[in-house]
Amino acid sequence: MDARSTCPIACTLDLIGDRWTLLIIRDMMFFKKQRFEEFLDSPESISTNILSDRLRKLEELNLIEKQPYSTHSRRMDYQLTEKGNSLRPVLRSMIKWGLANLPETSIRVN
């Protein structure tokens, strides 16, 4: 990765700062989603091509890993790695901040 700077915030945003990546991690972390079709059911309506791209990038970053869940080679379960799970306090802080400062937010229960 070619970093724009040595700033840890800028470098982190380069990795996970797009509009979809943290939502996929959220779904895995808090809603226990593991399969491609489950991610498509999220209320934000991610498109299949964007989802495929983000899952590939998350795997390349070692934030998730995939395992086949059937004899069909393209059916995968996705799991957070230890590195991916280390984002939990970041997401919890974002939830806390959003609930305190954005009146239109709420905690969704599946």
C-alpha atoms as a PDB file:
ATOM      1  CA  MET A   1       0.000   0.000   0.000  1.00  0.00           C
ATOM      2  CA  ASP A   2       1.276   3.445  -0.898  1.00  0.00           C
ATOM      3  CA  ALA A   3       0.436   5.632   2.076  1.00  0.00           C
ATOM      4  CA  ARG A   4      -0.547   9.265   1.578  1.00  0.00           C
ATOM      5  CA  SER A   5       1.195  10.052   4.839  1.00  0.00           C
ATOM      6  CA  THR A   6       2.322   8.421   8.054  1.00  0.00           C
ATOM      7  CA  CYS A   7      -0.788   9.639   9.879  1.00  0.00           C
ATOM      8  CA  PRO A   8      -2.507   6.585  11.435  1.00  0.00           C
ATOM      9  CA  ILE A   9      -5.963   8.067  10.801  1.00  0.00           C
ATOM     10  CA  ALA A  10      -5.247   8.643   7.109  1.00  0.00           C
ATOM     11  CA  CYS A  11      -3.709   5.175   6.720  1.00  0.00           C
ATOM     12  CA  THR A  12      -6.651   3.502   8.469  1.00  0.00           C
ATOM     13  CA  LEU A  13      -9.149   5.405   6.333  1.00  0.00           C
ATOM     14  CA  ASP A  14      -7.277   4.295   3.222  1.00  0.00           C
ATOM     15  CA  LEU A  15      -8.005   0.698   4.267  1.00  0.00           C
ATOM     16  CA  ILE A  16     -11.507   0.808   5.744  1.00  0.00           C
ATOM     17  CA  GLY A  17     -12.809   4.309   5.122  1.00  0.00           C
ATOM     18  CA  ASP A  18     -15.087   3.696   2.141  1.00  0.00           C
ATOM     19  CA  ARG A  19     -18.857   3.692   2.573  1.00  0.00           C
ATOM     20  CA  TRP A  20     -19.259  -0.127   2.698  1.00  0.00           C
ATOM     21  CA  THR A  21     -16.346  -1.815   4.442  1.00  0.00           C
ATOM     22  CA  LEU A  22     -17.267  -1.035   8.045  1.00  0.00           C
ATOM     23  CA  LEU A  23     -20.895  -1.988   7.341  1.00  0.00           C
ATOM     24  CA  ILE A  24     -19.781  -5.445   6.223  1.00  0.00           C
ATOM     25  CA  ILE A  25     -17.625  -5.740   9.341  1.00  0.00           C
ATOM     26  CA  ARG A  26     -20.589  -4.506  11.435  1.00  0.00           C
ATOM     27  CA  ASP A  27     -22.806  -7.198   9.945  1.00  0.00           C
ATOM     28  CA  MET A  28     -20.252  -9.884  10.718  1.00  0.00           C
ATOM     29  CA  MET A  29     -19.457  -8.593  14.191  1.00  0.00           C
ATOM     30  CA  PHE A  30     -22.866  -7.686  15.581  1.00  0.00           C
ATOM     31  CA  PHE A  31     -25.374  -9.531  13.379  1.00  0.00           C
ATOM     32  CA  LYS A  32     -23.338 -12.724  12.852  1.00  0.00           C
ATOM     33  CA  LYS A  33     -23.680 -12.621   9.064  1.00  0.00           C
ATOM     34  CA  GLN A  34     -21.326 -15.006   7.282  1.00  0.00           C
ATOM     35  CA  ARG A  35     -22.628 -15.592   3.782  1.00  0.00           C
ATOM     36  CA  PHE A  36     -22.813 -13.450   0.672  1.00  0.00           C
ATOM     37  CA  GLU A  37     -26.627 -13.603   0.544  1.00  0.00           C
ATOM     38  CA  GLU A  38     -26.864 -12.505   4.190  1.00  0.00           C
ATOM     39  CA  PHE A  39     -24.841  -9.359   3.500  1.00  0.00           C
ATOM     40  CA  LEU A  40     -27.195  -8.522   0.615  1.00  0.00           C
ATOM     41  CA  ASP A  41     -30.118  -8.493   3.082  1.00  0.00           C
ATOM     42  CA  SER A  42     -28.707  -5.523   5.001  1.00  0.00           C
ATOM     43  CA  PRO A  43     -30.885  -2.386   4.898  1.00  0.00           C
ATOM     44  CA  GLU A  44     -28.173  -0.340   3.143  1.00  0.00           C
ATOM     45  CA  SER A  45     -28.648  -2.390  -0.064  1.00  0.00           C
ATOM     46  CA  ILE A  46     -25.091  -3.031  -1.189  1.00  0.00           C
ATOM     47  CA  SER A  47     -24.788  -4.168  -4.797  1.00  0.00           C
ATOM     48  CA  THR A  48     -23.354  -7.591  -5.583  1.00  0.00           C
ATOM     49  CA  ASN A  49     -20.301  -6.247  -7.424  1.00  0.00           C
ATOM     50  CA  ILE A  50     -19.384  -3.871  -4.583  1.00  0.00           C
ATOM     51  CA  LEU A  51     -19.905  -6.622  -2.001  1.00  0.00           C
ATOM     52  CA  SER A  52     -17.665  -9.020  -3.943  1.00  0.00           C
ATOM     53  CA  ASP A  53     -14.977  -6.359  -4.219  1.00  0.00           C
ATOM     54  CA  ARG A  54     -15.081  -5.432  -0.521  1.00  0.00           C
ATOM     55  CA  LEU A  55     -15.016  -9.054   0.648  1.00  0.00           C
ATOM     56  CA  ARG A  56     -11.972  -9.650  -1.544  1.00  0.00           C
ATOM     57  CA  LYS A  57     -10.240  -6.540  -0.166  1.00  0.00           C
ATOM     58  CA  LEU A  58     -11.067  -7.471   3.436  1.00  0.00           C
ATOM     59  CA  GLU A  59      -9.545 -10.893   2.850  1.00  0.00           C
ATOM     60  CA  GLU A  60      -6.414  -9.345   1.302  1.00  0.00           C
ATOM     61  CA  LEU A  61      -6.097  -7.101   4.383  1.00  0.00           C
ATOM     62  CA  ASN A  62      -6.386 -10.168   6.628  1.00  0.00           C
ATOM     63  CA  LEU A  63      -9.493  -8.734   8.305  1.00  0.00           C
ATOM     64  CA  ILE A  64     -11.630 -11.698   7.221  1.00  0.00           C
ATOM     65  CA  GLU A  65     -11.077 -15.249   6.060  1.00  0.00           C
ATOM     66  CA  LYS A  66     -13.316 -17.468   4.003  1.00  0.00           C
ATOM     67  CA  GLN A  67     -14.101 -21.142   4.144  1.00  0.00           C
ATOM     68  CA  PRO A  68     -16.284 -23.186   1.778  1.00  0.00           C
ATOM     69  CA  TYR A  69     -19.567 -24.257   3.386  1.00  0.00           C
ATOM     70  CA  SER A  70     -20.762 -26.723   0.774  1.00  0.00           C
ATOM     71  CA  THR A  71     -19.425 -28.868  -2.023  1.00  0.00           C
ATOM     72  CA  HIS A  72     -20.004 -25.948  -4.396  1.00  0.00           C
ATOM     73  CA  SER A  73     -16.625 -24.205  -4.624  1.00  0.00           C
ATOM     74  CA  ARG A  74     -18.127 -20.690  -4.784  1.00  0.00           C
ATOM     75  CA  ARG A  75     -20.203 -20.917  -1.597  1.00  0.00           C
ATOM     76  CA  MET A  76     -18.212 -19.362   1.215  1.00  0.00           C
ATOM     77  CA  ASP A  77     -18.605 -18.521   4.870  1.00  0.00           C
ATOM     78  CA  TYR A  78     -16.746 -15.395   5.925  1.00  0.00           C
ATOM     79  CA  GLN A  79     -15.309 -14.979   9.421  1.00  0.00           C
ATOM     80  CA  LEU A  80     -13.536 -12.083  11.068  1.00  0.00           C
ATOM     81  CA  THR A  81      -9.906 -12.726  11.855  1.00  0.00           C
ATOM     82  CA  GLU A  82      -8.291 -11.601  15.087  1.00  0.00           C
ATOM     83  CA  LYS A  83      -7.225  -8.454  13.241  1.00  0.00           C
ATOM     84  CA  GLY A  84     -10.811  -7.896  12.060  1.00  0.00           C
ATOM     85  CA  ASN A  85     -12.180  -8.436  15.561  1.00  0.00           C
ATOM     86  CA  SER A  86      -9.727  -5.838  16.854  1.00  0.00           C
ATOM     87  CA  LEU A  87     -11.995  -3.223  15.206  1.00  0.00           C
ATOM     88  CA  ARG A  88     -14.753  -3.966  17.777  1.00  0.00           C
ATOM     89  CA  PRO A  89     -13.894  -1.006  20.073  1.00  0.00           C
ATOM     90  CA  VAL A  90     -13.816   1.314  17.050  1.00  0.00           C
ATOM     91  CA  LEU A  91     -17.299   0.249  15.946  1.00  0.00           C
ATOM     92  CA  ARG A  92     -18.640   0.413  19.516  1.00  0.00           C
ATOM     93  CA  SER A  93     -17.307   3.966  19.821  1.00  0.00           C
ATOM     94  CA  MET A  94     -19.018   4.874  16.544  1.00  0.00           C
ATOM     95  CA  ILE A  95     -22.307   3.379  17.806  1.00  0.00           C
ATOM     96  CA  LYS A  96     -22.044   5.299  21.077  1.00  0.00           C
ATOM     97  CA  TRP A  97     -21.216   8.551  19.295  1.00  0.00           C
ATOM     98  CA  GLY A  98     -24.028   8.115  16.753  1.00  0.00           C
ATOM     99  CA  LEU A  99     -26.637   7.365  19.419  1.00  0.00           C
ATOM    100  CA  ALA A 100     -25.539  10.398  21.465  1.00  0.00           C
ATOM    101  CA  ASN A 101     -25.289  12.869  18.577  1.00  0.00           C
ATOM    102  CA  LEU A 102     -27.578  11.751  15.767  1.00  0.00           C
ATOM    103  CA  PRO A 103     -31.221  11.695  16.908  1.00  0.00           C
ATOM    104  CA  GLU A 104     -32.365   9.677  13.885  1.00  0.00           C
ATOM    105  CA  THR A 105     -30.178   6.696  14.874  1.00  0.00           C
ATOM    106  CA  SER A 106     -31.169   3.632  16.852  1.00  0.00           C
ATOM    107  CA  ILE A 107     -29.836   0.175  17.539  1.00  0.00           C
ATOM    108  CA  ARG A 108     -31.378  -2.274  15.085  1.00  0.00           C
ATOM    109  CA  VAL A 109     -32.176  -5.750  16.291  1.00  0.00           C
ATOM    110  CA  ASN A 110     -32.352  -8.562  13.731  1.00  0.00           C
END
